[in-house]
Amino acid sequence: MPLTFAQRLDNVETSAIRELFKLLGKPGIISFAGGFPDSAMFDVQGISAAVNTALQTEPGAALQYGATEGFQPLREQLSAFMAQKGAKDVAPDQLIVTTGSQQALDLLGKTLVDPGSKAIVEGPTFLATIQCFRLYGADLVSAPVDGDGVQVDKLEQLIVEHRPRFIYLIPTFGNPSGAMLSLERRKRVLELAVKYQTLIIEDDPYGDLYFDAPPPPSLLALTAEVPGSRDWLVHCGSLSKVLSPGLRVGWMVAPAALLAKATMCKQFSDAHTSTFAQATAAQYLADGHMPATLARVRQVYGQRARTMTDALRSELGDAIDFVAPQGGLFVWARLTGAGGKLKDGAELAKRAIEQGVAFVPGAPFYCANPDLSTLRLSFATVGDDKIREGIGRLARALG
């Protein structure tokens, strides 16, 4: 007899990005496909010191079971970390520590989504978000994005039409779009949340990775300027892109009732995020290493982003269109078909592998009506010389 699986699995597919990684074993391939930070940027010395201090000062707390809500010293450090960025009124007990921000999304799916629940996401958006919310039965609606983030007038139209359970946004250097929601639009989003009593989920794993000027304040920070909006906002943060993905430390700020439900569901999932990882992260933040780490990664990623955009302009010319990112890890681009050149991102991905370079075609990042001419390029893990070489290979694949 064949195994019988839950019907919810019919709504999701294996990650197209993870499947692409199976093709990357070819020697000498240059990959712009990954969505992760450069391991050379990890502050191994600072993390090692934090581990040793945590084990010396509180070995029982670091190695024992802990509270589902999170390790209290880390909650306090995260509260202070957010306060430094303008969210000054988030008390430690108003957040829970999650196993990466990915778990926060899963907890939101568990607590908010019934089969058929409407939810609005950006088009394009984080692929794992589409998979996660669909796993729980969400009916996803796509809101268009431009260089300034989600188009708020069209978002309001979609709210009126669909009355969604929630809206999921990556306002700052989104994955994959790289877009930065303007200050005006951020305030308008919060006003819409209050006006229509619709929950906004702000996913903010990239906000600290700006290259020059800091981005506008997070939606969480701006709730102080829009009365009532804090009651309709969830904020998800992560140390994965700025410290280490291996620690799997994220957090979620949410209204008290939702936070309680999410905590209950987390008890069923993993009891608590690794206390050892939490103690390490708490000590690292307490030691004051984060500002120097952020300064370093901003400089390196900023330079690599400029190298990639310069190479795209010189090698592909008007055959490709993009908005130069101001932060984050990605260039989001669209093939124009100029000069009769290829306009299909998936087909170019196949040809690119043959030329020894990889990227992710853009279609999987849409929950509906995908733009087949789009692609995502990550500059984070490739040095300047390899970026130039890889874009040259991409130009040859384009023809």
Protein backbone atom coordinates (compact mmCIF):
# COMPACT_ATOMS: atom_id res chain seq x y z
CA MET A 1 0.00 0.00 0.00
CA PRO A 2 1.38 3.46 -0.87
CA LEU A 3 1.83 5.97 1.93
CA THR A 4 -0.94 8.52 2.37
CA PHE A 5 0.26 12.07 2.86
CA ALA A 6 -1.52 15.14 4.20
CA GLN A 7 -3.53 16.93 1.54
CA ARG A 8 -1.85 20.22 2.48
CA LEU A 9 1.30 18.97 0.76
CA ASP A 10 -0.55 19.14 -2.56
CA ASN A 11 -0.32 22.94 -2.34
CA VAL A 12 3.49 23.17 -2.32
CA GLU A 13 6.47 22.07 -4.38
CA THR A 14 10.15 21.56 -3.67
CA SER A 15 12.07 24.83 -3.70
CA ALA A 16 13.18 25.74 -7.19
CA ILE A 17 16.30 27.30 -5.69
CA ARG A 18 17.23 24.17 -3.76
CA GLU A 19 16.73 22.13 -6.92
CA LEU A 20 19.02 24.50 -8.80
CA PHE A 21 21.80 23.85 -6.30
CA LYS A 22 21.94 20.26 -7.56
CA LEU A 23 23.30 21.63 -10.85
CA LEU A 24 26.12 23.57 -9.25
CA GLY A 25 28.59 20.73 -8.86
CA LYS A 26 30.25 21.53 -12.15
CA PRO A 27 33.91 22.50 -11.49
CA GLY A 28 34.68 26.17 -11.94
CA ILE A 29 31.10 27.36 -11.92
CA ILE A 30 30.50 30.90 -10.63
CA SER A 31 27.31 31.05 -8.63
CA PHE A 32 25.10 34.10 -8.19
CA ALA A 33 22.28 31.78 -7.11
CA GLY A 34 22.64 31.65 -3.33
CA GLY A 35 20.74 33.87 -0.96
CA PHE A 36 23.16 33.64 1.92
CA PRO A 37 25.97 35.77 3.39
CA ASP A 38 29.65 35.22 2.69
CA SER A 39 31.14 32.89 5.31
CA ALA A 40 34.38 34.91 5.10
CA MET A 41 32.44 37.76 6.73
CA PHE A 42 31.66 35.80 9.90
CA ASP A 43 33.37 37.22 12.98
CA VAL A 44 34.78 33.87 14.10
CA GLN A 45 36.99 35.44 16.77
CA GLY A 46 34.15 37.47 18.27
CA ILE A 47 31.72 34.53 18.18
CA SER A 48 34.33 32.24 19.74
CA ALA A 49 34.91 34.72 22.54
CA ALA A 50 31.16 34.98 23.11
CA VAL A 51 30.87 31.18 23.30
CA ASN A 52 33.65 30.95 25.87
CA THR A 53 32.25 33.75 28.01
CA ALA A 54 28.74 32.30 27.90
CA LEU A 55 30.02 28.89 29.00
CA GLN A 56 32.17 30.37 31.74
CA THR A 57 29.56 32.70 33.21
CA GLU A 58 26.27 30.79 32.79
CA PRO A 59 27.03 27.22 31.69
CA GLY A 60 23.82 25.83 33.14
CA ALA A 61 21.64 28.35 31.31
CA ALA A 62 23.54 27.92 28.04
CA LEU A 63 23.37 24.12 28.02
CA GLN A 64 20.02 23.42 29.68
CA TYR A 65 16.43 23.55 28.46
CA GLY A 66 15.05 27.07 28.41
CA ALA A 67 11.88 29.13 28.21
CA THR A 68 9.93 28.86 24.97
CA GLU A 69 9.76 32.66 24.77
CA GLY A 70 13.55 32.84 24.67
CA PHE A 71 16.68 33.31 26.77
CA GLN A 72 15.99 36.43 28.82
CA PRO A 73 19.44 38.06 28.36
CA LEU A 74 19.05 37.72 24.60
CA ARG A 75 15.54 39.17 24.66
CA GLU A 76 16.97 42.15 26.54
CA GLN A 77 19.82 42.55 24.05
CA LEU A 78 17.44 42.33 21.09
CA SER A 79 15.19 44.95 22.67
CA ALA A 80 18.22 47.26 22.95
CA PHE A 81 19.35 46.38 19.40
CA MET A 82 15.98 47.45 17.99
CA ALA A 83 15.94 50.59 20.15
CA GLN A 84 19.21 51.68 18.54
CA LYS A 85 17.38 51.61 15.21
CA GLY A 86 14.40 53.66 16.35
CA ALA A 87 12.04 51.04 17.79
CA LYS A 88 12.47 52.37 21.31
CA ASP A 89 9.39 50.96 23.02
CA VAL A 90 9.77 47.20 22.49
CA ALA A 91 10.08 45.60 25.90
CA PRO A 92 11.84 42.21 26.14
CA ASP A 93 8.57 40.47 26.99
CA GLN A 94 7.00 41.81 23.77
CA LEU A 95 9.16 39.55 21.62
CA ILE A 96 9.89 35.85 21.36
CA VAL A 97 13.11 34.30 20.06
CA THR A 98 12.60 32.01 17.08
CA THR A 99 14.78 29.47 15.30
CA GLY A 100 15.63 31.92 12.54
CA SER A 101 13.02 34.29 11.16
CA GLN A 102 11.90 31.36 9.00
CA GLN A 103 10.31 29.80 12.08
CA ALA A 104 8.50 33.05 12.78
CA LEU A 105 6.85 32.77 9.37
CA ASP A 106 5.89 29.17 10.06
CA LEU A 107 4.38 30.14 13.42
CA LEU A 108 2.40 32.88 11.70
CA GLY A 109 1.13 30.36 9.18
CA LYS A 110 0.04 28.06 11.99
CA THR A 111 -1.68 30.78 13.99
CA LEU A 112 -3.28 32.90 11.26
CA VAL A 113 -4.05 30.74 8.22
CA ASP A 114 -7.10 28.58 7.68
CA PRO A 115 -7.61 26.76 4.37
CA GLY A 116 -8.76 29.42 1.94
CA SER A 117 -7.62 32.39 4.04
CA LYS A 118 -6.66 35.33 1.84
CA ALA A 119 -3.22 36.83 2.30
CA ILE A 120 -1.42 39.48 0.27
CA VAL A 121 2.27 39.14 -0.54
CA GLU A 122 4.54 41.19 -2.76
CA GLY A 123 5.09 40.15 -6.35
CA PRO A 124 7.86 39.06 -6.25
CA THR A 125 8.50 37.89 -2.69
CA PHE A 126 10.56 35.43 -0.64
CA LEU A 127 10.00 31.97 -2.11
CA ALA A 128 9.88 30.20 1.26
CA THR A 129 7.08 32.52 2.36
CA ILE A 130 4.94 31.45 -0.58
CA GLN A 131 5.62 27.80 0.25
CA CYS A 132 5.03 28.23 3.97
CA PHE A 133 1.71 30.04 3.76
CA ARG A 134 0.43 27.77 1.00
CA LEU A 135 1.30 24.74 3.12
CA TYR A 136 -1.32 25.91 5.61
CA GLY A 137 -3.85 26.57 2.86
CA ALA A 138 -3.55 30.31 2.25
CA ASP A 139 -4.98 31.79 -0.95
CA LEU A 140 -2.21 34.22 -1.87
CA VAL A 141 -2.77 37.48 -3.72
CA SER A 142 0.12 39.29 -5.42
CA ALA A 143 0.69 43.02 -4.87
CA PRO A 144 2.90 44.75 -7.47
CA VAL A 145 6.31 46.13 -6.53
CA ASP A 146 8.47 48.82 -8.12
CA GLY A 147 11.83 50.34 -7.19
CA ASP A 148 10.24 52.03 -4.14
CA GLY A 149 8.65 48.85 -2.84
CA VAL A 150 5.03 47.77 -2.84
CA GLN A 151 2.71 50.07 -4.80
CA VAL A 152 0.50 51.32 -1.99
CA ASP A 153 -2.45 52.55 -4.07
CA LYS A 154 -2.79 49.13 -5.67
CA LEU A 155 -2.26 47.48 -2.30
CA GLU A 156 -5.25 49.38 -0.93
CA GLN A 157 -7.37 48.24 -3.86
CA LEU A 158 -6.40 44.63 -3.11
CA ILE A 159 -7.24 45.07 0.57
CA VAL A 160 -10.70 46.36 -0.29
CA GLU A 161 -11.27 43.58 -2.82
CA HIS A 162 -9.95 40.60 -0.86
CA ARG A 163 -10.14 41.58 2.84
CA PRO A 164 -7.01 39.55 3.61
CA ARG A 165 -6.16 37.90 6.90
CA PHE A 166 -2.77 39.64 6.69
CA ILE A 167 -0.26 41.35 4.38
CA TYR A 168 3.35 40.14 4.21
CA LEU A 169 6.04 42.65 3.21
CA ILE A 170 9.84 42.86 3.11
CA PRO A 171 10.09 46.66 3.14
CA THR A 172 13.87 46.98 3.23
CA PHE A 173 16.08 45.48 0.49
CA GLY A 174 13.59 42.73 -0.24
CA ASN A 175 14.37 39.22 -1.36
CA PRO A 176 14.38 38.98 -4.32
CA SER A 177 13.46 42.50 -5.42
CA GLY A 178 16.13 44.42 -3.51
CA ALA A 179 13.56 47.24 -3.31
CA MET A 180 13.42 49.71 -0.45
CA LEU A 181 9.97 50.92 0.55
CA SER A 182 10.01 54.70 0.70
CA LEU A 183 9.28 56.54 3.94
CA GLU A 184 6.05 57.95 2.53
CA ARG A 185 4.86 54.50 1.53
CA ARG A 186 5.83 53.01 4.90
CA LYS A 187 3.61 55.45 6.74
CA ARG A 188 0.83 54.86 4.25
CA VAL A 189 1.03 51.09 4.79
CA LEU A 190 0.60 51.60 8.53
CA GLU A 191 -2.31 53.94 7.93
CA LEU A 192 -3.95 51.28 5.76
CA ALA A 193 -3.45 48.72 8.52
CA VAL A 194 -5.37 50.91 10.96
CA LYS A 195 -8.00 51.98 8.45
CA TYR A 196 -8.88 48.43 7.39
CA GLN A 197 -7.82 46.68 10.61
CA THR A 198 -5.54 44.43 8.62
CA LEU A 199 -2.44 42.81 10.08
CA ILE A 200 0.90 43.73 8.47
CA ILE A 201 3.83 41.31 8.74
CA GLU A 202 7.15 43.10 8.35
CA ASP A 203 10.02 40.74 7.56
CA ASP A 204 13.31 42.56 8.13
CA PRO A 205 16.36 40.29 7.73
CA TYR A 206 18.29 42.71 5.49
CA GLY A 207 17.63 46.16 6.98
CA ASP A 208 21.08 46.45 8.58
CA LEU A 209 22.87 45.72 5.29
CA TYR A 210 22.72 49.20 3.76
CA PHE A 211 25.64 50.43 1.68
CA ASP A 212 25.62 54.21 2.10
CA ALA A 213 22.77 56.10 3.76
CA PRO A 214 20.65 54.15 6.26
CA PRO A 215 17.17 53.16 5.06
CA PRO A 216 14.02 54.75 6.46
CA PRO A 217 12.97 53.50 9.90
CA SER A 218 11.34 50.09 10.05
CA LEU A 219 7.57 49.85 10.12
CA LEU A 220 7.99 48.83 13.76
CA ALA A 221 9.83 52.06 14.55
CA LEU A 222 7.29 54.12 12.61
CA THR A 223 4.30 52.77 14.55
CA ALA A 224 5.05 55.52 17.10
CA GLU A 225 4.03 58.06 14.43
CA VAL A 226 0.82 56.31 13.29
CA PRO A 227 -1.63 55.96 16.19
CA GLY A 228 -3.08 52.48 16.57
CA SER A 229 -0.74 50.85 14.06
CA ARG A 230 1.25 48.88 16.63
CA ASP A 231 -1.86 46.79 17.24
CA TRP A 232 -1.76 45.68 13.59
CA LEU A 233 1.94 44.98 13.09
CA VAL A 234 4.15 41.91 13.36
CA HIS A 235 7.90 42.44 13.03
CA CYS A 236 10.26 39.56 12.24
CA GLY A 237 14.01 40.01 12.65
CA SER A 238 17.07 37.81 12.22
CA LEU A 239 20.78 37.67 12.98
CA SER A 240 21.36 35.23 10.12
CA LYS A 241 22.42 37.74 7.48
CA VAL A 242 24.53 39.91 9.79
CA LEU A 243 26.10 37.49 12.28
CA SER A 244 25.69 33.81 11.31
CA PRO A 245 22.93 31.70 9.75
CA GLY A 246 24.23 28.71 11.68
CA LEU A 247 23.15 30.18 15.00
CA ARG A 248 19.53 30.15 13.75
CA VAL A 249 18.56 33.13 15.90
CA GLY A 250 15.58 35.22 14.90
CA TRP A 251 12.80 37.00 16.77
CA MET A 252 9.22 38.15 16.43
CA VAL A 253 7.45 41.17 17.87
CA ALA A 254 3.66 40.95 17.76
CA PRO A 255 0.47 41.95 19.55
CA ALA A 256 0.20 40.13 22.88
CA ALA A 257 -2.62 37.76 21.89
CA LEU A 258 -0.82 36.66 18.72
CA LEU A 259 2.49 36.30 20.54
CA ALA A 260 0.84 34.00 23.08
CA LYS A 261 -0.59 31.77 20.35
CA ALA A 262 2.75 31.68 18.53
CA THR A 263 4.54 30.74 21.74
CA MET A 264 2.09 27.88 22.29
CA CYS A 265 2.73 26.59 18.76
CA LYS A 266 6.49 26.90 19.22
CA GLN A 267 6.19 24.64 22.27
CA PHE A 268 4.87 21.96 19.94
CA SER A 269 7.59 22.58 17.35
CA ASP A 270 10.92 22.71 19.17
CA ALA A 271 10.22 23.64 22.82
CA HIS A 272 12.67 26.53 22.45
CA THR A 273 15.41 27.85 20.20
CA SER A 274 18.85 26.46 21.11
CA THR A 275 19.82 28.01 24.45
CA PHE A 276 23.48 27.60 23.50
CA ALA A 277 22.97 29.65 20.34
CA GLN A 278 20.90 32.22 22.22
CA ALA A 279 23.49 32.60 24.97
CA THR A 280 26.20 33.02 22.34
CA ALA A 281 24.22 35.68 20.48
CA ALA A 282 23.34 37.50 23.70
CA GLN A 283 26.98 37.62 24.76
CA TYR A 284 28.10 38.75 21.30
CA LEU A 285 25.67 41.67 21.39
CA ALA A 286 26.57 42.50 24.99
CA ASP A 287 30.27 42.54 24.07
CA GLY A 288 29.57 45.32 21.57
CA HIS A 289 30.96 43.55 18.48
CA MET A 290 27.99 44.16 16.19
CA PRO A 291 28.77 47.74 15.01
CA ALA A 292 32.21 46.76 13.67
CA THR A 293 30.80 43.63 12.05
CA LEU A 294 28.06 45.60 10.33
CA ALA A 295 30.52 48.24 9.12
CA ARG A 296 32.64 45.54 7.53
CA VAL A 297 29.86 43.67 5.75
CA ARG A 298 28.28 46.91 4.51
CA GLN A 299 31.56 47.94 2.91
CA VAL A 300 32.22 44.56 1.29
CA TYR A 301 28.70 43.95 0.01
CA GLY A 302 28.39 47.53 -1.19
CA GLN A 303 31.53 47.21 -3.26
CA ARG A 304 30.40 43.88 -4.72
CA ALA A 305 27.00 45.31 -5.58
CA ARG A 306 28.61 48.21 -7.44
CA THR A 307 30.93 45.81 -9.27
CA MET A 308 27.98 43.69 -10.38
CA THR A 309 25.79 46.58 -11.54
CA ASP A 310 28.71 48.15 -13.43
CA ALA A 311 29.43 44.82 -15.12
CA LEU A 312 25.79 44.28 -16.03
CA ARG A 313 25.64 47.69 -17.69
CA SER A 314 28.88 47.23 -19.61
CA GLU A 315 28.40 43.58 -20.62
CA LEU A 316 24.64 43.32 -21.22
CA GLY A 317 23.72 46.93 -21.98
CA ASP A 318 20.11 47.54 -22.84
CA ALA A 319 19.36 43.80 -22.92
CA ILE A 320 18.84 43.97 -19.15
CA ASP A 321 17.05 46.42 -16.85
CA PHE A 322 17.42 46.78 -13.09
CA VAL A 323 17.41 49.23 -10.19
CA ALA A 324 20.79 49.35 -8.46
CA PRO A 325 20.31 48.05 -4.90
CA GLN A 326 21.00 50.34 -1.95
CA GLY A 327 21.52 47.40 0.40
CA GLY A 328 20.87 43.71 0.91
CA LEU A 329 22.27 40.81 -1.07
CA PHE A 330 20.56 40.90 -4.47
CA VAL A 331 20.21 42.51 -7.87
CA TRP A 332 16.75 41.94 -9.33
CA ALA A 333 16.79 42.29 -13.09
CA ARG A 334 14.54 41.95 -16.12
CA LEU A 335 15.55 40.85 -19.60
CA THR A 336 14.26 43.37 -22.12
CA GLY A 337 14.75 41.40 -25.32
CA ALA A 338 16.52 44.40 -26.87
CA GLY A 339 18.39 43.58 -30.04
CA GLY A 340 16.44 40.38 -30.43
CA LYS A 341 18.23 38.79 -27.47
CA LEU A 342 16.73 36.19 -25.16
CA LYS A 343 13.94 37.37 -22.89
CA ASP A 344 13.13 34.18 -20.95
CA GLY A 345 14.84 33.95 -17.55
CA ALA A 346 14.47 30.19 -17.19
CA GLU A 347 15.96 29.54 -20.63
CA LEU A 348 18.84 31.89 -19.88
CA ALA A 349 19.48 30.02 -16.64
CA LYS A 350 19.97 26.79 -18.60
CA ARG A 351 22.31 28.43 -21.08
CA ALA A 352 24.18 30.15 -18.27
CA ILE A 353 24.95 26.84 -16.54
CA GLU A 354 26.53 25.68 -19.80
CA GLN A 355 28.72 28.80 -19.73
CA GLY A 356 29.73 28.16 -16.12
CA VAL A 357 27.59 30.70 -14.28
CA ALA A 358 24.39 30.27 -12.23
CA PHE A 359 21.56 32.50 -11.08
CA VAL A 360 17.93 32.02 -10.08
CA PRO A 361 15.20 32.75 -12.67
CA GLY A 362 12.54 35.04 -11.27
CA ALA A 363 9.29 33.17 -11.94
CA PRO A 364 9.26 31.07 -8.71
CA PHE A 365 9.23 34.27 -6.62
CA TYR A 366 5.69 35.12 -7.73
CA CYS A 367 2.59 33.62 -6.16
CA ALA A 368 0.66 34.45 -9.35
CA ASN A 369 1.22 35.89 -12.82
CA PRO A 370 5.01 35.49 -12.85
CA ASP A 371 7.18 37.78 -14.94
CA LEU A 372 9.14 35.20 -16.93
CA SER A 373 11.77 37.71 -18.00
CA THR A 374 13.06 38.31 -14.45
CA LEU A 375 16.08 36.93 -12.62
CA ARG A 376 17.79 37.23 -9.24
CA LEU A 377 21.55 37.64 -8.95
CA SER A 378 23.33 37.53 -5.58
CA PHE A 379 26.67 39.30 -5.28
CA ALA A 380 27.25 38.45 -1.61
CA THR A 381 29.54 35.41 -1.84
CA VAL A 382 31.60 36.25 -4.95
CA GLY A 383 34.65 38.51 -5.10
CA ASP A 384 34.95 41.41 -7.53
CA ASP A 385 37.06 39.59 -10.14
CA LYS A 386 34.75 36.59 -10.17
CA ILE A 387 31.71 38.87 -10.40
CA ARG A 388 33.12 40.49 -13.54
CA GLU A 389 34.03 37.12 -15.00
CA GLY A 390 30.63 35.66 -14.16
CA ILE A 391 28.73 38.55 -15.76
CA GLY A 392 30.90 38.13 -18.84
CA ARG A 393 29.84 34.48 -18.99
CA LEU A 394 26.22 35.57 -18.54
CA ALA A 395 26.58 37.94 -21.51
CA ARG A 396 27.89 35.08 -23.65
CA ALA A 397 24.94 32.93 -22.60
CA LEU A 398 22.57 35.71 -23.59
CA GLY A 399 24.13 35.75 -27.04
